[in-house]
PDB file of all heavy atoms in Angstrom:
ATOM      1  N   ILE A   1     128.273 122.865  83.983  1.00  0.00           N
ATOM      2  CA  ILE A   1     127.640 122.357  82.766  1.00  0.00           C
ATOM      3  C   ILE A   1     127.227 120.901  82.952  1.00  0.00           C
ATOM      4  O   ILE A   1     126.124 120.488  82.559  1.00  0.00           O
ATOM      5  CB  ILE A   1     128.590 122.511  81.567  1.00  0.00           C
ATOM      6  CG1 ILE A   1     128.764 123.984  81.212  1.00  0.00           C
ATOM      7  CG2 ILE A   1     128.075 121.732  80.353  1.00  0.00           C
ATOM      8  CD1 ILE A   1     129.800 124.255  80.143  1.00  0.00           C
ATOM      9  N   GLN A   2     128.097 120.106  83.572  1.00  0.00           N
ATOM     10  CA  GLN A   2     127.773 118.703  83.836  1.00  0.00           C
ATOM     11  C   GLN A   2     126.552 118.581  84.741  1.00  0.00           C
ATOM     12  O   GLN A   2     125.666 117.748  84.508  1.00  0.00           O
ATOM     13  CB  GLN A   2     128.976 118.009  84.468  1.00  0.00           C
ATOM     14  CG  GLN A   2     130.174 117.901  83.545  1.00  0.00           C
ATOM     15  CD  GLN A   2     131.433 117.476  84.275  1.00  0.00           C
ATOM     16  OE1 GLN A   2     131.546 117.631  85.489  1.00  0.00           O
ATOM     17  NE2 GLN A   2     132.401 116.965  83.535  1.00  0.00           N
ATOM     18  N   ALA A   3     126.510 119.420  85.781  1.00  0.00           N
ATOM     19  CA  ALA A   3     125.384 119.376  86.712  1.00  0.00           C
ATOM     20  C   ALA A   3     124.092 119.818  86.039  1.00  0.00           C
ATOM     21  O   ALA A   3     123.024 119.242  86.267  1.00  0.00           O
ATOM     22  CB  ALA A   3     125.684 120.251  87.928  1.00  0.00           C
ATOM     23  N   LEU A   4     124.181 120.853  85.203  1.00  0.00           N
ATOM     24  CA  LEU A   4     122.997 121.331  84.496  1.00  0.00           C
ATOM     25  C   LEU A   4     122.458 120.273  83.541  1.00  0.00           C
ATOM     26  O   LEU A   4     121.239 120.127  83.390  1.00  0.00           O
ATOM     27  CB  LEU A   4     123.329 122.618  83.730  1.00  0.00           C
ATOM     28  CG  LEU A   4     123.413 123.895  84.565  1.00  0.00           C
ATOM     29  CD1 LEU A   4     123.972 125.033  83.726  1.00  0.00           C
ATOM     30  CD2 LEU A   4     122.051 124.265  85.125  1.00  0.00           C
ATOM     31  N   TYR A   5     123.353 119.537  82.895  1.00  0.00           N
ATOM     32  CA  TYR A   5     122.904 118.477  82.004  1.00  0.00           C
ATOM     33  C   TYR A   5     122.124 117.420  82.781  1.00  0.00           C
ATOM     34  O   TYR A   5     121.038 116.988  82.364  1.00  0.00           O
ATOM     35  CB  TYR A   5     124.091 117.818  81.297  1.00  0.00           C
ATOM     36  CG  TYR A   5     123.669 116.571  80.545  1.00  0.00           C
ATOM     37  CD1 TYR A   5     122.983 116.678  79.343  1.00  0.00           C
ATOM     38  CD2 TYR A   5     123.917 115.302  81.059  1.00  0.00           C
ATOM     39  CE1 TYR A   5     122.554 115.550  78.674  1.00  0.00           C
ATOM     40  CE2 TYR A   5     123.492 114.173  80.390  1.00  0.00           C
ATOM     41  CZ  TYR A   5     122.809 114.292  79.198  1.00  0.00           C
ATOM     42  OH  TYR A   5     122.374 113.182  78.552  1.00  0.00           O
ATOM     43  N   PHE A   6     122.665 117.006  83.917  1.00  0.00           N
ATOM     44  CA  PHE A   6     122.009 115.978  84.733  1.00  0.00           C
ATOM     45  C   PHE A   6     120.625 116.442  85.179  1.00  0.00           C
ATOM     46  O   PHE A   6     119.640 115.703  85.075  1.00  0.00           O
ATOM     47  CB  PHE A   6     122.880 115.659  85.946  1.00  0.00           C
ATOM     48  CG  PHE A   6     122.358 114.550  86.809  1.00  0.00           C
ATOM     49  CD1 PHE A   6     122.611 113.223  86.481  1.00  0.00           C
ATOM     50  CD2 PHE A   6     121.636 114.821  87.960  1.00  0.00           C
ATOM     51  CE1 PHE A   6     122.134 112.190  87.277  1.00  0.00           C
ATOM     52  CE2 PHE A   6     121.151 113.803  88.764  1.00  0.00           C
ATOM     53  CZ  PHE A   6     121.404 112.475  88.426  1.00  0.00           C
ATOM     54  N   SER A   7     120.545 117.685  85.670  1.00  0.00           N
ATOM     55  CA  SER A   7     119.261 118.167  86.172  1.00  0.00           C
ATOM     56  C   SER A   7     118.265 118.404  85.037  1.00  0.00           C
ATOM     57  O   SER A   7     117.077 118.100  85.175  1.00  0.00           O
ATOM     58  CB  SER A   7     119.450 119.458  86.979  1.00  0.00           C
ATOM     59  OG  SER A   7     119.965 120.493  86.173  1.00  0.00           O
ATOM     60  N   ALA A   8     118.739 118.925  83.902  1.00  0.00           N
ATOM     61  CA  ALA A   8     117.844 119.155  82.770  1.00  0.00           C
ATOM     62  C   ALA A   8     117.321 117.842  82.213  1.00  0.00           C
ATOM     63  O   ALA A   8     116.153 117.739  81.810  1.00  0.00           O
ATOM     64  CB  ALA A   8     118.579 119.931  81.676  1.00  0.00           C
ATOM     65  N   HIS A   9     118.162 116.827  82.203  1.00  0.00           N
ATOM     66  CA  HIS A   9     117.761 115.498  81.736  1.00  0.00           C
ATOM     67  C   HIS A   9     116.578 114.987  82.547  1.00  0.00           C
ATOM     68  O   HIS A   9     115.563 114.541  81.999  1.00  0.00           O
ATOM     69  CB  HIS A   9     118.951 114.552  81.851  1.00  0.00           C
ATOM     70  CG  HIS A   9     118.617 113.105  81.612  1.00  0.00           C
ATOM     71  ND1 HIS A   9     118.554 112.564  80.348  1.00  0.00           N
ATOM     72  CD2 HIS A   9     118.327 112.095  82.476  1.00  0.00           C
ATOM     73  CE1 HIS A   9     118.234 111.283  80.446  1.00  0.00           C
ATOM     74  NE2 HIS A   9     118.095 110.974  81.722  1.00  0.00           N
ATOM     75  N   HIS A  10     116.668 115.065  83.851  1.00  0.00           N
ATOM     76  CA  HIS A  10     115.603 114.534  84.703  1.00  0.00           C
ATOM     77  C   HIS A  10     114.384 115.442  84.728  1.00  0.00           C
ATOM     78  O   HIS A  10     113.261 114.965  84.912  1.00  0.00           O
ATOM     79  CB  HIS A  10     116.142 114.282  86.111  1.00  0.00           C
ATOM     80  CG  HIS A  10     117.062 113.102  86.171  1.00  0.00           C
ATOM     81  ND1 HIS A  10     116.607 111.804  86.216  1.00  0.00           N
ATOM     82  CD2 HIS A  10     118.416 113.009  86.143  1.00  0.00           C
ATOM     83  CE1 HIS A  10     117.626 110.970  86.244  1.00  0.00           C
ATOM     84  NE2 HIS A  10     118.736 111.682  86.191  1.00  0.00           N
ATOM     85  N   ALA A  11     114.583 116.736  84.520  1.00  0.00           N
ATOM     86  CA  ALA A  11     113.436 117.633  84.396  1.00  0.00           C
ATOM     87  C   ALA A  11     112.623 117.283  83.161  1.00  0.00           C
ATOM     88  O   ALA A  11     111.384 117.308  83.180  1.00  0.00           O
ATOM     89  CB  ALA A  11     113.912 119.087  84.325  1.00  0.00           C
ATOM     90  N   MET A  12     113.320 116.919  82.081  1.00  0.00           N
ATOM     91  CA  MET A  12     112.629 116.510  80.866  1.00  0.00           C
ATOM     92  C   MET A  12     111.910 115.179  81.051  1.00  0.00           C
ATOM     93  O   MET A  12     110.818 114.971  80.517  1.00  0.00           O
ATOM     94  CB  MET A  12     113.621 116.414  79.706  1.00  0.00           C
ATOM     95  CG  MET A  12     114.055 117.766  79.160  1.00  0.00           C
ATOM     96  SD  MET A  12     112.682 118.720  78.474  1.00  0.00           S
ATOM     97  CE  MET A  12     112.219 117.684  77.093  1.00  0.00           C
ATOM     98  N   LEU A  13     112.495 114.274  81.824  1.00  0.00           N
ATOM     99  CA  LEU A  13     111.818 113.009  82.113  1.00  0.00           C
ATOM    100  C   LEU A  13     110.513 113.262  82.867  1.00  0.00           C
ATOM    101  O   LEU A  13     109.482 112.640  82.585  1.00  0.00           O
ATOM    102  CB  LEU A  13     112.727 112.092  82.942  1.00  0.00           C
ATOM    103  CG  LEU A  13     113.951 111.513  82.234  1.00  0.00           C
ATOM    104  CD1 LEU A  13     114.742 110.630  83.191  1.00  0.00           C
ATOM    105  CD2 LEU A  13     113.555 110.718  81.001  1.00  0.00           C
ATOM    106  N   ASP A  14     110.558 114.188  83.825  1.00  0.00           N
ATOM    107  CA  ASP A  14     109.340 114.543  84.555  1.00  0.00           C
ATOM    108  C   ASP A  14     108.289 115.131  83.623  1.00  0.00           C
ATOM    109  O   ASP A  14     107.095 114.833  83.733  1.00  0.00           O
ATOM    110  CB  ASP A  14     109.665 115.555  85.664  1.00  0.00           C
ATOM    111  CG  ASP A  14     110.308 114.896  86.872  1.00  0.00           C
ATOM    112  OD1 ASP A  14     110.100 113.688  87.088  1.00  0.00           O
ATOM    113  OD2 ASP A  14     111.034 115.600  87.602  1.00  0.00           O
ATOM    114  N   GLU A  15     108.745 115.989  82.705  1.00  0.00           N
ATOM    115  CA  GLU A  15     107.816 116.613  81.778  1.00  0.00           C
ATOM    116  C   GLU A  15     107.218 115.581  80.831  1.00  0.00           C
ATOM    117  O   GLU A  15     106.009 115.629  80.510  1.00  0.00           O
ATOM    118  CB  GLU A  15     108.540 117.700  80.973  1.00  0.00           C
ATOM    119  CG  GLU A  15     107.677 118.460  79.974  1.00  0.00           C
ATOM    120  CD  GLU A  15     106.569 119.260  80.633  1.00  0.00           C
ATOM    121  OE1 GLU A  15     106.612 119.459  81.868  1.00  0.00           O
ATOM    122  OE2 GLU A  15     105.651 119.689  79.908  1.00  0.00           O
ATOM    123  N   GLU A  16     108.028 114.616  80.389  1.00  0.00           N
ATOM    124  CA  GLU A  16     107.510 113.557  79.523  1.00  0.00           C
ATOM    125  C   GLU A  16     106.466 112.719  80.244  1.00  0.00           C
ATOM    126  O   GLU A  16     105.444 112.337  79.667  1.00  0.00           O
ATOM    127  CB  GLU A  16     108.660 112.668  79.044  1.00  0.00           C
ATOM    128  CG  GLU A  16     109.494 113.287  77.947  1.00  0.00           C
ATOM    129  CD  GLU A  16     110.479 112.291  77.362  1.00  0.00           C
ATOM    130  OE1 GLU A  16     110.732 111.247  78.002  1.00  0.00           O
ATOM    131  OE2 GLU A  16     110.994 112.557  76.277  1.00  0.00           O
ATOM    132  N   GLU A  17     106.706 112.424  81.529  1.00  0.00           N
ATOM    133  CA  GLU A  17     105.734 111.668  82.307  1.00  0.00           C
ATOM    134  C   GLU A  17     104.424 112.443  82.445  1.00  0.00           C
ATOM    135  O   GLU A  17     103.337 111.864  82.352  1.00  0.00           O
ATOM    136  CB  GLU A  17     106.297 111.357  83.697  1.00  0.00           C
ATOM    137  CG  GLU A  17     107.389 110.304  83.692  1.00  0.00           C
ATOM    138  CD  GLU A  17     107.867 109.975  85.100  1.00  0.00           C
ATOM    139  OE1 GLU A  17     107.297 110.528  86.062  1.00  0.00           O
ATOM    140  OE2 GLU A  17     108.807 109.176  85.227  1.00  0.00           O
ATOM    141  N   ARG A  18     104.530 113.759  82.668  1.00  0.00           N
ATOM    142  CA  ARG A  18     103.336 114.582  82.811  1.00  0.00           C
ATOM    143  C   ARG A  18     102.522 114.593  81.520  1.00  0.00           C
ATOM    144  O   ARG A  18     101.293 114.429  81.539  1.00  0.00           O
ATOM    145  CB  ARG A  18     103.730 116.014  83.183  1.00  0.00           C
ATOM    146  CG  ARG A  18     102.546 116.929  83.483  1.00  0.00           C
ATOM    147  CD  ARG A  18     102.987 118.368  83.612  1.00  0.00           C
ATOM    148  NE  ARG A  18     103.489 118.897  82.358  1.00  0.00           N
ATOM    149  CZ  ARG A  18     102.720 119.316  81.363  1.00  0.00           C
ATOM    150  NH1 ARG A  18     101.401 119.255  81.460  1.00  0.00           N
ATOM    151  NH2 ARG A  18     103.250 119.783  80.254  1.00  0.00           N
ATOM    152  N   ILE A  19     103.208 114.757  80.383  1.00  0.00           N
ATOM    153  CA  ILE A  19     102.518 114.772  79.091  1.00  0.00           C
ATOM    154  C   ILE A  19     101.863 113.423  78.819  1.00  0.00           C
ATOM    155  O   ILE A  19     100.728 113.350  78.328  1.00  0.00           O
ATOM    156  CB  ILE A  19     103.512 115.127  77.971  1.00  0.00           C
ATOM    157  CG1 ILE A  19     103.988 116.585  78.127  1.00  0.00           C
ATOM    158  CG2 ILE A  19     102.882 114.926  76.595  1.00  0.00           C
ATOM    159  CD1 ILE A  19     105.088 116.980  77.166  1.00  0.00           C
ATOM    160  N   GLN A  20     102.558 112.339  79.159  1.00  0.00           N
ATOM    161  CA  GLN A  20     102.008 111.003  78.940  1.00  0.00           C
ATOM    162  C   GLN A  20     100.752 110.774  79.782  1.00  0.00           C
ATOM    163  O   GLN A  20      99.772 110.192  79.307  1.00  0.00           O
ATOM    164  CB  GLN A  20     103.053 109.941  79.262  1.00  0.00           C
ATOM    165  CG  GLN A  20     102.618 108.530  78.881  1.00  0.00           C
ATOM    166  CD  GLN A  20     103.734 107.521  79.056  1.00  0.00           C
ATOM    167  OE1 GLN A  20     104.760 107.821  79.633  1.00  0.00           O
ATOM    168  NE2 GLN A  20     103.520 106.321  78.546  1.00  0.00           N
ATOM    169  N   ARG A  21     100.762 111.279  81.021  1.00  0.00           N
ATOM    170  CA  ARG A  21      99.583 111.134  81.867  1.00  0.00           C
ATOM    171  C   ARG A  21      98.400 111.900  81.288  1.00  0.00           C
ATOM    172  O   ARG A  21      97.259 111.432  81.301  1.00  0.00           O
ATOM    173  CB  ARG A  21      99.886 111.632  83.286  1.00  0.00           C
ATOM    174  CG  ARG A  21     100.729 110.683  84.120  1.00  0.00           C
ATOM    175  CD  ARG A  21     100.691 111.076  85.593  1.00  0.00           C
ATOM    176  NE  ARG A  21     101.177 112.425  85.814  1.00  0.00           N
ATOM    177  CZ  ARG A  21     102.449 112.721  86.053  1.00  0.00           C
ATOM    178  NH1 ARG A  21     103.362 111.756  86.100  1.00  0.00           N
ATOM    179  NH2 ARG A  21     102.820 113.972  86.247  1.00  0.00           N
ATOM    180  N   GLU A  22      98.691 113.100  80.754  1.00  0.00           N
ATOM    181  CA  GLU A  22      97.615 113.897  80.164  1.00  0.00           C
ATOM    182  C   GLU A  22      97.044 113.203  78.941  1.00  0.00           C
ATOM    183  O   GLU A  22      95.827 113.194  78.737  1.00  0.00           O
ATOM    184  CB  GLU A  22      98.145 115.278  79.787  1.00  0.00           C
ATOM    185  CG  GLU A  22      98.423 116.183  80.981  1.00  0.00           C
ATOM    186  CD  GLU A  22      98.908 117.551  80.562  1.00  0.00           C
ATOM    187  OE1 GLU A  22      99.149 117.741  79.347  1.00  0.00           O
ATOM    188  OE2 GLU A  22      99.047 118.429  81.436  1.00  0.00           O
ATOM    189  N   GLU A  23      97.918 112.618  78.110  1.00  0.00           N
ATOM    190  CA  GLU A  23      97.450 111.920  76.911  1.00  0.00           C
ATOM    191  C   GLU A  23      96.631 110.688  77.262  1.00  0.00           C
ATOM    192  O   GLU A  23      95.708 110.309  76.530  1.00  0.00           O
ATOM    193  CB  GLU A  23      98.642 111.524  76.041  1.00  0.00           C
ATOM    194  CG  GLU A  23      99.344 112.718  75.391  1.00  0.00           C
ATOM    195  CD  GLU A  23     100.571 112.309  74.600  1.00  0.00           C
ATOM    196  OE1 GLU A  23     101.004 111.138  74.753  1.00  0.00           O
ATOM    197  OE2 GLU A  23     101.107 113.147  73.845  1.00  0.00           O
ATOM    198  N   ASN A  24      96.963 110.059  78.382  1.00  0.00           N
ATOM    199  CA  ASN A  24      96.223 108.861  78.816  1.00  0.00           C
ATOM    200  C   ASN A  24      94.988 109.206  79.630  1.00  0.00           C
ATOM    201  O   ASN A  24      94.278 108.313  80.096  1.00  0.00           O
ATOM    202  CB  ASN A  24      97.135 107.957  79.645  1.00  0.00           C
ATOM    203  CG  ASN A  24      98.270 107.377  78.818  1.00  0.00           C
ATOM    204  OD1 ASN A  24      98.174 107.264  77.595  1.00  0.00           O
ATOM    205  ND2 ASN A  24      99.355 107.002  79.490  1.00  0.00           N
ATOM    206  N   GLY A  25      94.776 110.522  79.835  1.00  0.00           N
ATOM    207  CA  GLY A  25      93.608 110.944  80.588  1.00  0.00           C
ATOM    208  C   GLY A  25      93.717 110.694  82.076  1.00  0.00           C
ATOM    209  O   GLY A  25      92.693 110.664  82.783  1.00  0.00           O
ATOM    210  N   GLU A  26      94.950 110.530  82.579  1.00  0.00           N
ATOM    211  CA  GLU A  26      95.133 110.288  84.003  1.00  0.00           C
ATOM    212  C   GLU A  26      95.137 111.605  84.762  1.00  0.00           C
ATOM    213  O   GLU A  26      95.480 112.650  84.227  1.00  0.00           O
ATOM    214  CB  GLU A  26      96.459 109.553  84.250  1.00  0.00           C
ATOM    215  CG  GLU A  26      96.534 108.205  83.555  1.00  0.00           C
ATOM    216  CD  GLU A  26      97.897 107.559  83.710  1.00  0.00           C
ATOM    217  OE1 GLU A  26      98.711 108.112  84.468  1.00  0.00           O
ATOM    218  OE2 GLU A  26      98.141 106.530  83.057  1.00  0.00           O
ATOM    219  N   GLU A  27      94.775 111.560  86.036  1.00  0.00           N
ATOM    220  CA  GLU A  27      94.796 112.751  86.872  1.00  0.00           C
ATOM    221  C   GLU A  27      96.233 113.137  87.187  1.00  0.00           C
ATOM    222  O   GLU A  27      97.131 112.308  87.212  1.00  0.00           O
ATOM    223  CB  GLU A  27      94.032 112.511  88.181  1.00  0.00           C
ATOM    224  CG  GLU A  27      92.548 112.296  87.978  1.00  0.00           C
ATOM    225  CD  GLU A  27      91.817 112.153  89.301  1.00  0.00           C
ATOM    226  OE1 GLU A  27      92.482 112.288  90.357  1.00  0.00           O
ATOM    227  OE2 GLU A  27      90.609 111.914  89.285  1.00  0.00           O
ATOM    228  N   GLU A  28      96.428 114.419  87.434  1.00  0.00           N
ATOM    229  CA  GLU A  28      97.761 114.928  87.777  1.00  0.00           C
ATOM    230  C   GLU A  28      98.078 114.527  89.205  1.00  0.00           C
ATOM    231  O   GLU A  28      97.669 115.166  90.167  1.00  0.00           O
ATOM    232  CB  GLU A  28      97.789 116.459  87.645  1.00  0.00           C
ATOM    233  CG  GLU A  28      99.154 117.077  87.879  1.00  0.00           C
ATOM    234  CD  GLU A  28     100.148 116.746  86.788  1.00  0.00           C
ATOM    235  OE1 GLU A  28      99.724 116.371  85.677  1.00  0.00           O
ATOM    236  OE2 GLU A  28     101.356 116.854  87.040  1.00  0.00           O
ATOM    237  N   ASN A  29      98.789 113.409  89.340  1.00  0.00           N
ATOM    238  CA  ASN A  29      99.133 112.898  90.666  1.00  0.00           C
ATOM    239  C   ASN A  29     100.557 112.372  90.620  1.00  0.00           C
ATOM    240  O   ASN A  29     100.796 111.205  90.322  1.00  0.00           O
ATOM    241  CB  ASN A  29      98.166 111.789  91.079  1.00  0.00           C
ATOM    242  CG  ASN A  29      98.448 111.261  92.478  1.00  0.00           C
ATOM    243  OD1 ASN A  29      99.288 111.811  93.194  1.00  0.00           O
ATOM    244  ND2 ASN A  29      97.751 110.201  92.851  1.00  0.00           N
ATOM    245  N   VAL A  30     101.492 113.250  90.894  1.00  0.00           N
ATOM    246  CA  VAL A  30     102.898 112.867  90.770  1.00  0.00           C
ATOM    247  C   VAL A  30     103.285 111.810  91.781  1.00  0.00           C
ATOM    248  O   VAL A  30     104.230 111.057  91.591  1.00  0.00           O
ATOM    249  CB  VAL A  30     103.822 114.095  90.925  1.00  0.00           C
ATOM    250  CG1 VAL A  30     103.597 115.069  89.799  1.00  0.00           C
ATOM    251  CG2 VAL A  30     103.627 114.781  92.281  1.00  0.00           C
ATOM    252  N   GLU A  31     102.545 111.720  92.908  1.00  0.00           N
ATOM    253  CA  GLU A  31     102.874 110.715  93.908  1.00  0.00           C
ATOM    254  C   GLU A  31     102.642 109.311  93.378  1.00  0.00           C
ATOM    255  O   GLU A  31     103.195 108.345  93.886  1.00  0.00           O
ATOM    256  CB  GLU A  31     102.030 110.942  95.174  1.00  0.00           C
ATOM    257  CG  GLU A  31     102.289 112.276  95.861  1.00  0.00           C
ATOM    258  CD  GLU A  31     103.720 112.393  96.356  1.00  0.00           C
ATOM    259  OE1 GLU A  31     104.343 111.364  96.653  1.00  0.00           O
ATOM    260  OE2 GLU A  31     104.215 113.536  96.447  1.00  0.00           O
ATOM    261  N   ALA A  32     101.789 109.216  92.323  1.00  0.00           N
ATOM    262  CA  ALA A  32     101.487 107.898  91.772  1.00  0.00           C
ATOM    263  C   ALA A  32     102.458 107.485  90.688  1.00  0.00           C
ATOM    264  O   ALA A  32     102.308 106.439  90.076  1.00  0.00           O
ATOM    265  CB  ALA A  32     100.061 107.899  91.203  1.00  0.00           C
ATOM    266  N   SER A  33     103.473 108.305  90.434  1.00  0.00           N
ATOM    267  CA  SER A  33     104.461 107.976  89.409  1.00  0.00           C
ATOM    268  C   SER A  33     105.182 106.682  89.772  1.00  0.00           C
ATOM    269  O   SER A  33     105.399 106.374  90.937  1.00  0.00           O
ATOM    270  CB  SER A  33     105.486 109.110  89.282  1.00  0.00           C
ATOM    271  OG  SER A  33     104.843 110.300  88.900  1.00  0.00           O
ATOM    272  N   VAL A  34     105.569 105.935  88.741  1.00  0.00           N
ATOM    273  CA  VAL A  34     106.313 104.703  88.974  1.00  0.00           C
ATOM    274  C   VAL A  34     107.690 105.048  89.511  1.00  0.00           C
ATOM    275  O   VAL A  34     108.406 105.858  88.901  1.00  0.00           O
ATOM    276  CB  VAL A  34     106.444 103.897  87.668  1.00  0.00           C
ATOM    277  CG1 VAL A  34     107.286 102.653  87.898  1.00  0.00           C
ATOM    278  CG2 VAL A  34     105.076 103.548  87.130  1.00  0.00           C
ATOM    279  N   PRO A  35     108.111 104.479  90.640  1.00  0.00           N
ATOM    280  CA  PRO A  35     109.423 104.802  91.210  1.00  0.00           C
ATOM    281  C   PRO A  35     110.545 104.440  90.243  1.00  0.00           C
ATOM    282  O   PRO A  35     110.435 103.500  89.457  1.00  0.00           O
ATOM    283  CB  PRO A  35     109.484 103.946  92.483  1.00  0.00           C
ATOM    284  CG  PRO A  35     108.054 103.644  92.809  1.00  0.00           C
ATOM    285  CD  PRO A  35     107.355 103.544  91.490  1.00  0.00           C
ATOM    286  N   LEU A  36     111.615 105.184  90.316  1.00  0.00           N
ATOM    287  CA  LEU A  36     112.762 104.910  89.469  1.00  0.00           C
ATOM    288  C   LEU A  36     113.495 103.674  89.936  1.00  0.00           C
ATOM    289  O   LEU A  36     113.593 103.408  91.130  1.00  0.00           O
ATOM    290  CB  LEU A  36     113.720 106.097  89.490  1.00  0.00           C
ATOM    291  CG  LEU A  36     113.237 107.393  88.831  1.00  0.00           C
ATOM    292  CD1 LEU A  36     114.238 108.500  89.112  1.00  0.00           C
ATOM    293  CD2 LEU A  36     113.053 107.210  87.347  1.00  0.00           C
ATOM    294  N   ASP A  37     114.020 102.913  88.997  1.00  0.00           N
ATOM    295  CA  ASP A  37     114.859 101.762  89.313  1.00  0.00           C
ATOM    296  C   ASP A  37     116.302 102.165  89.054  1.00  0.00           C
ATOM    297  O   ASP A  37     116.717 102.291  87.904  1.00  0.00           O
ATOM    298  CB  ASP A  37     114.471 100.569  88.426  1.00  0.00           C
ATOM    299  CG  ASP A  37     115.336  99.342  88.706  1.00  0.00           C
ATOM    300  OD1 ASP A  37     116.220  99.433  89.597  1.00  0.00           O
ATOM    301  OD2 ASP A  37     115.132  98.312  88.049  1.00  0.00           O
ATOM    302  N   PRO A  38     117.098 102.389  90.096  1.00  0.00           N
ATOM    303  CA  PRO A  38     118.465 102.876  89.884  1.00  0.00           C
ATOM    304  C   PRO A  38     119.333 101.910  89.104  1.00  0.00           C
ATOM    305  O   PRO A  38     120.296 102.317  88.458  1.00  0.00           O
ATOM    306  CB  PRO A  38     118.996 103.067  91.308  1.00  0.00           C
ATOM    307  CG  PRO A  38     118.130 102.216  92.164  1.00  0.00           C
ATOM    308  CD  PRO A  38     116.787 102.215  91.513  1.00  0.00           C
ATOM    309  N   ASP A  39     119.024 100.613  89.119  1.00  0.00           N
ATOM    310  CA  ASP A  39     119.827  99.641  88.387  1.00  0.00           C
ATOM    311  C   ASP A  39     119.602  99.738  86.881  1.00  0.00           C
ATOM    312  O   ASP A  39     120.411  99.254  86.091  1.00  0.00           O
ATOM    313  CB  ASP A  39     119.502  98.222  88.851  1.00  0.00           C
ATOM    314  CG  ASP A  39     119.939  97.986  90.289  1.00  0.00           C
ATOM    315  OD1 ASP A  39     120.934  98.604  90.704  1.00  0.00           O
ATOM    316  OD2 ASP A  39     119.272  97.205  90.998  1.00  0.00           O
ATOM    317  N   ASN A  40     118.477 100.351  86.487  1.00  0.00           N
ATOM    318  CA  ASN A  40     118.180 100.470  85.065  1.00  0.00           C
ATOM    319  C   ASN A  40     118.113 101.922  84.606  1.00  0.00           C
ATOM    320  O   ASN A  40     117.595 102.223  83.551  1.00  0.00           O
ATOM    321  CB  ASN A  40     116.836  99.789  84.749  1.00  0.00           C
ATOM    322  CG  ASN A  40     116.890  98.296  85.004  1.00  0.00           C
ATOM    323  OD1 ASN A  40     117.849  97.633  84.625  1.00  0.00           O
ATOM    324  ND2 ASN A  40     115.872  97.762  85.662  1.00  0.00           N
ATOM    325  N   LEU A  41     118.635 102.798  85.424  1.00  0.00           N
ATOM    326  CA  LEU A  41     118.574 104.219  85.116  1.00  0.00           C
ATOM    327  C   LEU A  41     119.897 104.665  84.539  1.00  0.00           C
ATOM    328  O   LEU A  41     120.906 104.676  85.218  1.00  0.00           O
ATOM    329  CB  LEU A  41     118.258 105.013  86.386  1.00  0.00           C
ATOM    330  CG  LEU A  41     118.043 106.519  86.223  1.00  0.00           C
ATOM    331  CD1 LEU A  41     116.883 106.800  85.294  1.00  0.00           C
ATOM    332  CD2 LEU A  41     117.805 107.174  87.578  1.00  0.00           C
ATOM    333  N   ASP A  42     119.900 105.021  83.279  1.00  0.00           N
ATOM    334  CA  ASP A  42     121.119 105.459  82.602  1.00  0.00           C
ATOM    335  C   ASP A  42     120.967 106.912  82.198  1.00  0.00           C
ATOM    336  O   ASP A  42     120.136 107.261  81.370  1.00  0.00           O
ATOM    337  CB  ASP A  42     121.373 104.598  81.357  1.00  0.00           C
ATOM    338  CG  ASP A  42     122.721 104.901  80.704  1.00  0.00           C
ATOM    339  OD1 ASP A  42     123.403 105.823  81.187  1.00  0.00           O
ATOM    340  OD2 ASP A  42     123.061 104.213  79.730  1.00  0.00           O
ATOM    341  N   ASP A  43     121.771 107.754  82.781  1.00  0.00           N
ATOM    342  CA  ASP A  43     121.670 109.180  82.522  1.00  0.00           C
ATOM    343  C   ASP A  43     122.048 109.537  81.085  1.00  0.00           C
ATOM    344  O   ASP A  43     121.736 110.618  80.616  1.00  0.00           O
ATOM    345  CB  ASP A  43     122.588 109.931  83.504  1.00  0.00           C
ATOM    346  CG  ASP A  43     122.441 111.435  83.372  1.00  0.00           C
ATOM    347  OD1 ASP A  43     121.296 111.898  83.329  1.00  0.00           O
ATOM    348  OD2 ASP A  43     123.477 112.112  83.317  1.00  0.00           O
ATOM    349  N   LYS A  44     122.713 108.616  80.369  1.00  0.00           N
ATOM    350  CA  LYS A  44     123.140 108.928  79.008  1.00  0.00           C
ATOM    351  C   LYS A  44     122.002 108.758  78.007  1.00  0.00           C
ATOM    352  O   LYS A  44     122.082 109.230  76.883  1.00  0.00           O
ATOM    353  CB  LYS A  44     124.321 108.028  78.612  1.00  0.00           C
ATOM    354  CG  LYS A  44     125.575 108.293  79.445  1.00  0.00           C
ATOM    355  CD  LYS A  44     126.701 107.369  79.020  1.00  0.00           C
ATOM    356  CE  LYS A  44     127.954 107.598  79.871  1.00  0.00           C
ATOM    357  NZ  LYS A  44     129.048 106.687  79.510  1.00  0.00           N
ATOM    358  N   ASP A  45     120.959 108.032  78.391  1.00  0.00           N
ATOM    359  CA  ASP A  45     119.851 107.775  77.489  1.00  0.00           C
ATOM    360  C   ASP A  45     118.639 108.557  77.967  1.00  0.00           C
ATOM    361  O   ASP A  45     117.931 108.131  78.853  1.00  0.00           O
ATOM    362  CB  ASP A  45     119.513 106.280  77.455  1.00  0.00           C
ATOM    363  CG  ASP A  45     120.694 105.455  76.986  1.00  0.00           C
ATOM    364  OD1 ASP A  45     121.423 105.952  76.124  1.00  0.00           O
ATOM    365  OD2 ASP A  45     120.876 104.340  77.493  1.00  0.00           O
ATOM    366  N   GLY A  46     118.384 109.702  77.404  1.00  0.00           N
ATOM    367  CA  GLY A  46     117.276 110.528  77.861  1.00  0.00           C
ATOM    368  C   GLY A  46     116.807 111.443  76.765  1.00  0.00           C
ATOM    369  O   GLY A  46     117.268 111.409  75.628  1.00  0.00           O
ATOM    370  N   ALA A  47     115.854 112.289  77.135  1.00  0.00           N
ATOM    371  CA  ALA A  47     115.219 113.162  76.164  1.00  0.00           C
ATOM    372  C   ALA A  47     116.079 114.373  75.831  1.00  0.00           C
ATOM    373  O   ALA A  47     115.852 115.060  74.843  1.00  0.00           O
ATOM    374  CB  ALA A  47     113.862 113.613  76.697  1.00  0.00           C
ATOM    375  N   VAL A  48     117.045 114.673  76.669  1.00  0.00           N
ATOM    376  CA  VAL A  48     117.860 115.866  76.441  1.00  0.00           C
ATOM    377  C   VAL A  48     119.129 115.500  75.684  1.00  0.00           C
ATOM    378  O   VAL A  48     119.845 114.595  76.063  1.00  0.00           O
ATOM    379  CB  VAL A  48     118.243 116.522  77.780  1.00  0.00           C
ATOM    380  CG1 VAL A  48     119.104 117.757  77.535  1.00  0.00           C
ATOM    381  CG2 VAL A  48     116.992 116.909  78.549  1.00  0.00           C
TER     382      VAL A  48
END
């Protein structure tokens, strides 16, 4: 359950980024995503 929460959290972050790119009219290019900053990445604060 703990592992599923972690993976679902980040899957939702990916989906939010994809939706935001579509709303901004950007091309679907996941390689251009802003890299994560591990020092500011808190798994407790997310969309899930």
